Amino acid sequence: MEELVSIPKYAAQTRLSIHTVIKKTMNGELKTVVQKEGEKEVTYILFTPENKSPSLSIEVASEEDIIDYKKEYEVLHKEFLILKTKYEKLCVK
């Protein structure tokens, strides 16, 4: 069952900013209907139960994605010390 919902109401229900909802309607990601009310044209979003809440995807880090921060820090610190000594040698001359 589809219902017509205004942009601010859709933004509140899906916890998105109004700016984001407008961008999605302009890109065609959301189905819209334009109705004339009095002298104004009002844009409504066709609201269906499956797009009531935005889908959240949670990715679990695999073993190859795990970073050894201590090792990475040591590598960067070593590079820093090499660059620091090169810089100091340039400044002394």
Protein backbone atom coordinates (compact mmCIF):
# COMPACT_ATOMS: atom_id res chain seq x y z
CA MET A 1 0.00 0.00 0.00
CA GLU A 2 1.42 3.34 -1.04
CA GLU A 3 0.62 6.63 0.58
CA LEU A 4 1.52 10.18 -0.38
CA VAL A 5 3.87 11.87 2.06
CA SER A 6 5.32 15.37 1.94
CA ILE A 7 9.08 15.84 1.76
CA PRO A 8 9.49 17.13 5.35
CA LYS A 9 7.33 14.30 6.72
CA TYR A 10 9.32 11.70 4.76
CA ALA A 11 12.57 13.21 6.03
CA ALA A 12 11.34 12.98 9.62
CA GLN A 13 10.13 9.39 9.26
CA THR A 14 13.35 8.13 7.66
CA ARG A 15 15.62 10.34 9.79
CA LEU A 16 17.21 12.01 6.79
CA SER A 17 17.77 15.70 6.22
CA ILE A 18 15.33 17.53 3.97
CA HIS A 19 18.25 18.41 1.70
CA THR A 20 19.10 14.71 1.26
CA VAL A 21 15.47 13.84 0.49
CA ILE A 22 15.28 16.60 -2.11
CA LYS A 23 18.50 15.35 -3.72
CA LYS A 24 17.09 11.82 -3.85
CA THR A 25 13.88 13.05 -5.50
CA MET A 26 15.87 15.07 -8.04
CA ASN A 27 18.06 12.02 -8.85
CA GLY A 28 15.00 9.82 -9.27
CA GLU A 29 15.83 7.53 -6.33
CA LEU A 30 12.41 8.21 -4.78
CA LYS A 31 9.12 7.97 -6.63
CA THR A 32 7.30 11.29 -6.58
CA VAL A 33 3.94 12.69 -7.58
CA VAL A 34 3.32 16.38 -8.23
CA GLN A 35 -0.17 17.59 -7.33
CA LYS A 36 -1.62 21.04 -7.73
CA GLU A 37 -3.14 22.45 -4.56
CA GLY A 38 -4.67 25.84 -5.15
CA GLU A 39 -2.05 27.82 -7.04
CA LYS A 40 0.94 25.80 -5.80
CA GLU A 41 2.41 22.59 -7.13
CA VAL A 42 3.27 20.30 -4.23
CA THR A 43 5.62 17.32 -4.56
CA TYR A 44 4.69 14.19 -2.65
CA ILE A 45 6.71 11.02 -2.22
CA LEU A 46 5.10 7.64 -2.80
CA PHE A 47 5.78 6.07 0.58
CA THR A 48 5.79 2.28 0.76
CA PRO A 49 6.39 0.12 3.86
CA GLU A 50 9.67 -1.30 2.51
CA ASN A 51 11.30 2.13 2.31
CA LYS A 52 10.06 3.24 5.74
CA SER A 53 13.44 2.77 7.34
CA PRO A 54 16.71 3.14 5.49
CA SER A 55 18.62 -0.11 5.20
CA LEU A 56 21.80 -0.20 7.21
CA SER A 57 24.54 -2.47 6.01
CA ILE A 58 27.10 -3.55 8.56
CA GLU A 59 30.34 -4.94 7.25
CA VAL A 60 32.46 -7.21 9.38
CA ALA A 61 36.19 -6.80 8.91
CA SER A 62 37.88 -9.88 7.54
CA GLU A 63 41.28 -11.06 8.70
CA GLU A 64 43.07 -9.41 5.80
CA ASP A 65 41.43 -6.05 6.56
CA ILE A 66 42.68 -5.97 10.16
CA ILE A 67 45.47 -3.41 10.54
CA ASP A 68 48.38 -3.80 12.92
CA TYR A 69 48.51 -0.19 14.09
CA LYS A 70 51.72 -0.57 16.08
CA LYS A 71 53.56 -1.91 13.03
CA GLU A 72 52.13 0.84 10.79
CA TYR A 73 53.12 3.48 13.35
CA GLU A 74 56.68 2.18 13.43
CA VAL A 75 56.91 2.29 9.63
CA LEU A 76 55.61 5.86 9.50
CA HIS A 77 57.86 6.95 12.37
CA LYS A 78 60.89 5.49 10.58
CA GLU A 79 59.99 7.41 7.40
CA PHE A 80 59.50 10.55 9.48
CA LEU A 81 62.93 10.25 11.06
CA ILE A 82 64.57 9.74 7.66
CA LEU A 83 62.84 12.82 6.24
CA LYS A 84 63.67 14.83 9.36
CA THR A 85 67.38 14.06 9.06
CA LYS A 86 67.35 14.95 5.34
CA TYR A 87 65.62 18.24 6.15
CA GLU A 88 68.11 19.05 8.90
CA LYS A 89 71.02 18.35 6.55
CA LEU A 90 69.52 20.76 3.99
CA CYS A 91 69.03 23.49 6.59
CA VAL A 92 72.59 23.23 7.92
CA LYS A 93 74.20 23.95 4.53
